[in-house]
C-alpha cells in the first residue's frame, strides 16, 4: 500500500488550515457590520453579518441566504450553523489547495452579495 499523506505532510496541512482560518478572522474583523462569533480554532472561524435596523430573525435569514447565494454562485463552499439561536457562517479552509487569495475572494464575494440578498428579503 502506497503512503499518500505522511505524518509530516499531514501536520503541515493542519497548520495551514489553522493559519488560513486566522487569516479569514483577521479579514472579517476589519469589515463593517461583520461580527466574529467564534475566533479561529481548529481551522474554523464563525462569523455573521449584523447591521442596525434588522431583527434577529431577519439577520438569521440574511446570513442563511448569503451562504446559499455564495454556493449557488460557485465562488466557494462555506456552511452555516446556529450558535445561541443565531445563524452564523463557517469558513473551514482545510483543503490543502486553499490559499489566502481564495479566502480574500470568498470574503469579497460575500460583501458583494449583501445588497442583493437584502433586496430579496424585502
N, C-alpha and C. Protein backbone atom coordinates (compact mmCIF):
# COMPACT_ATOMS: atom_id res chain seq x y z
N UNK A 1 0.84 -1.17 0.00
CA UNK A 1 0.00 0.00 0.00
C UNK A 1 0.89 1.24 0.00
N UNK A 2 0.58 2.17 -0.88
CA UNK A 2 1.36 3.40 -1.00
C UNK A 2 0.95 4.40 0.09
N UNK A 3 1.94 5.00 0.69
CA UNK A 3 1.71 6.04 1.69
C UNK A 3 1.50 7.36 0.97
N UNK A 4 0.29 7.92 1.10
CA UNK A 4 -0.06 9.12 0.35
C UNK A 4 0.18 10.40 1.15
N UNK A 5 -0.14 10.38 2.42
CA UNK A 5 -0.09 11.60 3.22
C UNK A 5 0.59 11.28 4.54
N UNK A 6 1.89 11.43 4.59
CA UNK A 6 2.66 11.10 5.78
C UNK A 6 2.39 12.06 6.93
N UNK A 7 2.91 11.73 8.08
CA UNK A 7 2.68 12.49 9.29
C UNK A 7 3.13 13.94 9.15
N UNK A 8 4.29 14.15 8.57
CA UNK A 8 4.81 15.50 8.41
C UNK A 8 3.94 16.33 7.47
N UNK A 9 3.56 15.75 6.34
CA UNK A 9 2.70 16.47 5.39
C UNK A 9 1.33 16.74 6.00
N UNK A 10 0.82 15.78 6.74
CA UNK A 10 -0.47 15.97 7.40
C UNK A 10 -0.38 17.12 8.41
N UNK A 11 0.67 17.17 9.18
CA UNK A 11 0.88 18.25 10.15
C UNK A 11 0.95 19.61 9.48
N UNK A 12 1.65 19.69 8.34
CA UNK A 12 1.73 20.96 7.60
C UNK A 12 0.35 21.37 7.10
N UNK A 13 -0.43 20.41 6.62
CA UNK A 13 -1.76 20.71 6.11
C UNK A 13 -2.67 21.23 7.22
N UNK A 14 -2.61 20.61 8.38
CA UNK A 14 -3.40 21.06 9.53
C UNK A 14 -2.98 22.48 9.91
N UNK A 15 -1.68 22.71 9.98
CA UNK A 15 -1.17 24.05 10.33
C UNK A 15 -1.63 25.09 9.31
N UNK A 16 -1.60 24.75 8.04
CA UNK A 16 -2.04 25.68 7.00
C UNK A 16 -3.52 26.02 7.19
N UNK A 17 -4.35 25.03 7.50
CA UNK A 17 -5.78 25.27 7.75
C UNK A 17 -5.99 26.21 8.92
N UNK A 18 -5.21 26.03 9.99
CA UNK A 18 -5.31 26.91 11.15
C UNK A 18 -4.91 28.34 10.79
N UNK A 19 -3.83 28.47 10.06
CA UNK A 19 -3.35 29.80 9.66
C UNK A 19 -4.34 30.51 8.74
N UNK A 20 -4.95 29.76 7.81
CA UNK A 20 -5.92 30.37 6.91
C UNK A 20 -7.19 30.77 7.66
N UNK A 21 -7.60 30.00 8.65
CA UNK A 21 -8.76 30.38 9.46
C UNK A 21 -8.46 31.67 10.22
N UNK A 22 -7.25 31.79 10.75
CA UNK A 22 -6.86 33.02 11.44
C UNK A 22 -6.82 34.20 10.47
N UNK A 23 -6.33 33.94 9.27
CA UNK A 23 -6.29 34.97 8.24
C UNK A 23 -7.72 35.43 7.91
N UNK A 24 -8.63 34.48 7.75
CA UNK A 24 -10.03 34.82 7.47
C UNK A 24 -10.61 35.65 8.61
N UNK A 25 -10.33 35.25 9.84
CA UNK A 25 -10.80 36.00 11.01
C UNK A 25 -10.31 37.45 10.95
N UNK A 26 -9.05 37.64 10.66
CA UNK A 26 -8.46 38.97 10.58
C UNK A 26 -9.16 39.81 9.50
N UNK A 27 -9.38 39.20 8.34
CA UNK A 27 -10.02 39.92 7.22
C UNK A 27 -11.46 40.31 7.57
N UNK A 28 -12.20 39.38 8.17
CA UNK A 28 -13.60 39.63 8.51
C UNK A 28 -13.69 40.71 9.60
N UNK A 29 -12.81 40.62 10.56
CA UNK A 29 -12.80 41.57 11.68
C UNK A 29 -12.64 43.01 11.19
N UNK A 30 -11.97 43.21 10.08
CA UNK A 30 -11.72 44.57 9.58
C UNK A 30 -12.90 45.15 8.80
N UNK A 31 -13.96 44.37 8.59
CA UNK A 31 -15.08 44.82 7.78
C UNK A 31 -16.23 45.34 8.63
N UNK A 32 -16.88 46.38 8.15
CA UNK A 32 -18.01 46.96 8.85
C UNK A 32 -19.22 46.01 8.78
N UNK A 33 -19.93 45.91 9.88
CA UNK A 33 -21.15 45.11 10.02
C UNK A 33 -20.93 43.60 10.05
N UNK A 34 -19.70 43.16 10.14
CA UNK A 34 -19.42 41.73 10.28
C UNK A 34 -18.91 41.49 11.70
N UNK A 35 -19.38 40.42 12.29
CA UNK A 35 -19.01 40.10 13.67
C UNK A 35 -18.42 38.70 13.73
N UNK A 36 -17.26 38.58 14.36
CA UNK A 36 -16.68 37.27 14.62
C UNK A 36 -17.47 36.67 15.78
N UNK A 37 -18.01 35.49 15.60
CA UNK A 37 -18.79 34.84 16.64
C UNK A 37 -17.89 33.91 17.46
N UNK A 38 -17.10 33.11 16.78
CA UNK A 38 -16.07 32.32 17.47
C UNK A 38 -14.76 32.51 16.72
N UNK A 39 -13.73 32.84 17.47
CA UNK A 39 -12.42 33.04 16.87
C UNK A 39 -11.93 31.76 16.21
N UNK A 40 -10.98 31.93 15.31
CA UNK A 40 -10.41 30.80 14.59
C UNK A 40 -9.84 29.78 15.57
N UNK A 41 -10.34 28.57 15.48
CA UNK A 41 -9.85 27.48 16.30
C UNK A 41 -10.11 26.19 15.54
N UNK A 42 -9.19 25.27 15.63
CA UNK A 42 -9.32 24.00 14.93
C UNK A 42 -9.59 24.18 13.43
N UNK A 43 -9.10 25.28 12.87
CA UNK A 43 -9.23 25.52 11.44
C UNK A 43 -10.60 26.03 11.01
N UNK A 44 -11.41 26.50 11.95
CA UNK A 44 -12.75 27.01 11.64
C UNK A 44 -12.92 28.38 12.28
N UNK A 45 -13.54 29.29 11.56
CA UNK A 45 -13.93 30.58 12.12
C UNK A 45 -15.42 30.77 11.81
N UNK A 46 -16.18 31.23 12.81
CA UNK A 46 -17.59 31.52 12.57
C UNK A 46 -17.82 33.01 12.70
N UNK A 47 -18.73 33.51 11.88
CA UNK A 47 -18.98 34.95 11.80
C UNK A 47 -20.37 35.18 11.26
N UNK A 48 -20.82 36.41 11.34
CA UNK A 48 -22.14 36.73 10.82
C UNK A 48 -22.22 38.19 10.44
N UNK A 49 -23.08 38.47 9.50
CA UNK A 49 -23.37 39.85 9.11
C UNK A 49 -24.42 40.38 10.07
N UNK A 50 -24.17 41.53 10.67
CA UNK A 50 -25.12 42.16 11.60
C UNK A 50 -25.13 43.65 11.32
N UNK A 51 -26.25 44.13 10.85
CA UNK A 51 -26.41 45.56 10.60
C UNK A 51 -27.56 46.09 11.43
N UNK A 52 -27.50 47.36 11.77
CA UNK A 52 -28.57 48.01 12.53
C UNK A 52 -29.87 47.97 11.73
N UNK A 53 -30.97 47.91 12.46
CA UNK A 53 -32.28 48.02 11.81
C UNK A 53 -32.88 46.71 11.38
N UNK A 54 -32.25 45.60 11.69
CA UNK A 54 -32.77 44.27 11.33
C UNK A 54 -33.05 43.48 12.59
N UNK A 55 -34.13 42.72 12.56
CA UNK A 55 -34.44 41.84 13.69
C UNK A 55 -33.50 40.64 13.64
N UNK A 56 -33.42 39.91 14.76
CA UNK A 56 -32.59 38.69 14.77
C UNK A 56 -33.08 37.70 13.72
N UNK A 57 -34.40 37.60 13.56
CA UNK A 57 -34.94 36.69 12.54
C UNK A 57 -34.53 37.09 11.14
N UNK A 58 -34.59 38.39 10.85
CA UNK A 58 -34.17 38.87 9.53
C UNK A 58 -32.67 38.63 9.31
N UNK A 59 -31.88 38.86 10.36
CA UNK A 59 -30.43 38.63 10.23
C UNK A 59 -30.13 37.15 10.05
N UNK A 60 -30.87 36.28 10.73
CA UNK A 60 -30.68 34.85 10.53
C UNK A 60 -30.97 34.48 9.08
N UNK A 61 -32.09 34.99 8.54
CA UNK A 61 -32.45 34.70 7.15
C UNK A 61 -31.42 35.29 6.19
N UNK A 62 -30.97 36.50 6.46
CA UNK A 62 -29.97 37.14 5.60
C UNK A 62 -28.68 36.32 5.56
N UNK A 63 -28.21 35.90 6.72
CA UNK A 63 -26.97 35.12 6.77
C UNK A 63 -27.14 33.76 6.08
N UNK A 64 -28.28 33.11 6.28
CA UNK A 64 -28.52 31.83 5.61
C UNK A 64 -28.58 32.03 4.10
N UNK A 65 -29.21 33.12 3.68
CA UNK A 65 -29.30 33.42 2.25
C UNK A 65 -27.94 33.74 1.64
N UNK A 66 -27.05 34.36 2.43
CA UNK A 66 -25.69 34.62 1.94
C UNK A 66 -24.95 33.31 1.64
N UNK A 67 -25.10 32.33 2.51
CA UNK A 67 -24.47 31.02 2.28
C UNK A 67 -25.00 30.42 0.99
N UNK A 68 -26.31 30.40 0.85
CA UNK A 68 -26.93 29.81 -0.35
C UNK A 68 -26.50 30.54 -1.62
N UNK A 69 -26.47 31.88 -1.56
CA UNK A 69 -26.08 32.67 -2.74
C UNK A 69 -24.63 32.41 -3.12
N UNK A 70 -23.75 32.32 -2.14
CA UNK A 70 -22.33 32.08 -2.42
C UNK A 70 -22.12 30.71 -3.05
N UNK A 71 -22.81 29.71 -2.52
CA UNK A 71 -22.68 28.36 -3.07
C UNK A 71 -23.27 28.29 -4.47
N UNK A 72 -24.45 28.87 -4.66
CA UNK A 72 -25.09 28.88 -5.97
C UNK A 72 -24.22 29.61 -6.99
N UNK A 73 -23.59 30.67 -6.55
CA UNK A 73 -22.70 31.48 -7.37
C UNK A 73 -21.48 30.68 -7.83
N UNK A 74 -21.10 29.68 -7.03
CA UNK A 74 -19.96 28.84 -7.37
C UNK A 74 -18.62 29.39 -6.91
N UNK A 75 -18.63 30.47 -6.15
CA UNK A 75 -17.38 31.07 -5.71
C UNK A 75 -16.66 30.21 -4.70
N UNK A 76 -17.39 29.73 -3.70
CA UNK A 76 -16.76 28.96 -2.62
C UNK A 76 -17.83 28.14 -1.92
N UNK A 77 -17.37 27.20 -1.14
CA UNK A 77 -18.26 26.39 -0.32
C UNK A 77 -18.03 26.76 1.13
N UNK A 78 -19.01 27.43 1.71
CA UNK A 78 -18.99 27.67 3.14
C UNK A 78 -20.25 27.03 3.71
N UNK A 79 -20.33 26.96 5.01
CA UNK A 79 -21.52 26.38 5.62
C UNK A 79 -22.05 27.32 6.68
N UNK A 80 -23.17 26.94 7.26
CA UNK A 80 -23.74 27.72 8.35
C UNK A 80 -24.13 26.78 9.47
N UNK A 81 -24.34 27.36 10.61
CA UNK A 81 -24.83 26.62 11.77
C UNK A 81 -25.54 27.62 12.67
N UNK A 82 -26.17 27.13 13.70
CA UNK A 82 -26.81 28.01 14.69
C UNK A 82 -26.00 27.95 15.97
N UNK A 83 -25.66 29.11 16.49
CA UNK A 83 -24.98 29.24 17.77
C UNK A 83 -25.79 30.21 18.62
N UNK A 84 -26.21 29.75 19.77
CA UNK A 84 -27.02 30.58 20.67
C UNK A 84 -28.21 31.21 19.94
N UNK A 85 -28.84 30.43 19.06
CA UNK A 85 -30.04 30.87 18.36
C UNK A 85 -29.80 31.76 17.15
N UNK A 86 -28.54 32.00 16.82
CA UNK A 86 -28.22 32.87 15.69
C UNK A 86 -27.55 32.08 14.58
N UNK A 87 -27.96 32.34 13.35
CA UNK A 87 -27.33 31.72 12.20
C UNK A 87 -25.98 32.37 11.97
N UNK A 88 -24.94 31.54 11.90
CA UNK A 88 -23.59 32.03 11.65
C UNK A 88 -23.01 31.31 10.44
N UNK A 89 -22.08 31.96 9.79
CA UNK A 89 -21.38 31.39 8.66
C UNK A 89 -20.09 30.76 9.16
N UNK A 90 -19.65 29.71 8.47
CA UNK A 90 -18.43 29.00 8.88
C UNK A 90 -17.49 28.89 7.69
N UNK A 91 -16.27 29.31 7.91
CA UNK A 91 -15.20 29.06 6.94
C UNK A 91 -14.28 28.04 7.59
N UNK A 92 -14.05 26.97 6.85
CA UNK A 92 -13.18 25.89 7.33
C UNK A 92 -12.20 25.56 6.19
N UNK A 93 -11.09 26.28 6.11
CA UNK A 93 -10.18 26.15 4.96
C UNK A 93 -9.19 24.99 5.09
N UNK A 94 -9.70 23.77 5.16
CA UNK A 94 -8.81 22.63 5.37
C UNK A 94 -8.31 21.99 4.08
N UNK A 95 -8.84 22.42 2.94
CA UNK A 95 -8.34 21.88 1.68
C UNK A 95 -6.90 22.35 1.49
N UNK A 96 -5.97 21.44 1.27
CA UNK A 96 -4.56 21.85 1.14
C UNK A 96 -4.28 22.78 -0.04
N UNK A 97 -5.23 22.87 -0.97
CA UNK A 97 -5.04 23.77 -2.12
C UNK A 97 -5.59 25.17 -1.86
N UNK A 98 -6.25 25.38 -0.72
CA UNK A 98 -6.80 26.70 -0.40
C UNK A 98 -5.66 27.67 -0.09
N UNK A 99 -5.81 28.90 -0.60
CA UNK A 99 -4.78 29.93 -0.43
C UNK A 99 -5.41 31.18 0.21
N UNK A 100 -4.59 32.10 0.67
CA UNK A 100 -5.13 33.39 1.15
C UNK A 100 -5.95 34.10 0.07
N UNK A 101 -5.56 33.97 -1.19
CA UNK A 101 -6.34 34.58 -2.27
C UNK A 101 -7.75 34.00 -2.33
N UNK A 102 -7.89 32.70 -2.05
CA UNK A 102 -9.22 32.08 -2.02
C UNK A 102 -10.06 32.66 -0.89
N UNK A 103 -9.43 32.88 0.25
CA UNK A 103 -10.13 33.49 1.39
C UNK A 103 -10.56 34.90 1.03
N UNK A 104 -9.66 35.68 0.43
CA UNK A 104 -9.99 37.05 0.01
C UNK A 104 -11.16 37.05 -0.97
N UNK A 105 -11.13 36.16 -1.94
CA UNK A 105 -12.21 36.08 -2.93
C UNK A 105 -13.53 35.74 -2.26
N UNK A 106 -13.52 34.80 -1.35
CA UNK A 106 -14.75 34.39 -0.65
C UNK A 106 -15.34 35.55 0.14
N UNK A 107 -14.51 36.23 0.90
CA UNK A 107 -14.99 37.34 1.73
C UNK A 107 -15.44 38.51 0.85
N UNK A 108 -14.70 38.81 -0.20
CA UNK A 108 -15.10 39.89 -1.11
C UNK A 108 -16.44 39.57 -1.77
N UNK A 109 -16.62 38.32 -2.16
CA UNK A 109 -17.88 37.95 -2.81
C UNK A 109 -19.04 38.02 -1.82
N UNK A 110 -18.83 37.64 -0.58
CA UNK A 110 -19.88 37.79 0.43
C UNK A 110 -20.28 39.26 0.56
N UNK A 111 -19.29 40.14 0.58
CA UNK A 111 -19.56 41.58 0.67
C UNK A 111 -20.40 42.04 -0.52
N UNK A 112 -20.06 41.55 -1.71
CA UNK A 112 -20.80 41.94 -2.92
C UNK A 112 -22.23 41.43 -2.90
N UNK A 113 -22.45 40.27 -2.31
CA UNK A 113 -23.78 39.65 -2.31
C UNK A 113 -24.73 40.25 -1.28
N UNK A 114 -24.23 41.00 -0.33
CA UNK A 114 -25.08 41.51 0.75
C UNK A 114 -26.26 42.31 0.22
N UNK A 115 -26.02 43.29 -0.64
CA UNK A 115 -27.10 44.14 -1.10
C UNK A 115 -28.14 43.35 -1.89
N UNK A 116 -27.70 42.42 -2.72
CA UNK A 116 -28.63 41.58 -3.46
C UNK A 116 -29.49 40.75 -2.52
N UNK A 117 -28.86 40.16 -1.53
CA UNK A 117 -29.60 39.34 -0.57
C UNK A 117 -30.56 40.21 0.24
N UNK A 118 -30.14 41.39 0.65
CA UNK A 118 -31.04 42.29 1.39
C UNK A 118 -32.28 42.59 0.56
N UNK A 119 -32.09 42.87 -0.72
CA UNK A 119 -33.23 43.19 -1.59
C UNK A 119 -34.20 42.02 -1.70
N UNK A 120 -33.69 40.82 -1.71
CA UNK A 120 -34.56 39.65 -1.84
C UNK A 120 -35.38 39.40 -0.57
N UNK A 121 -34.96 39.97 0.56
CA UNK A 121 -35.67 39.78 1.81
C UNK A 121 -36.75 40.83 2.05
N UNK A 122 -36.72 41.89 1.25
CA UNK A 122 -37.70 42.99 1.46
C UNK A 122 -39.04 42.62 0.87
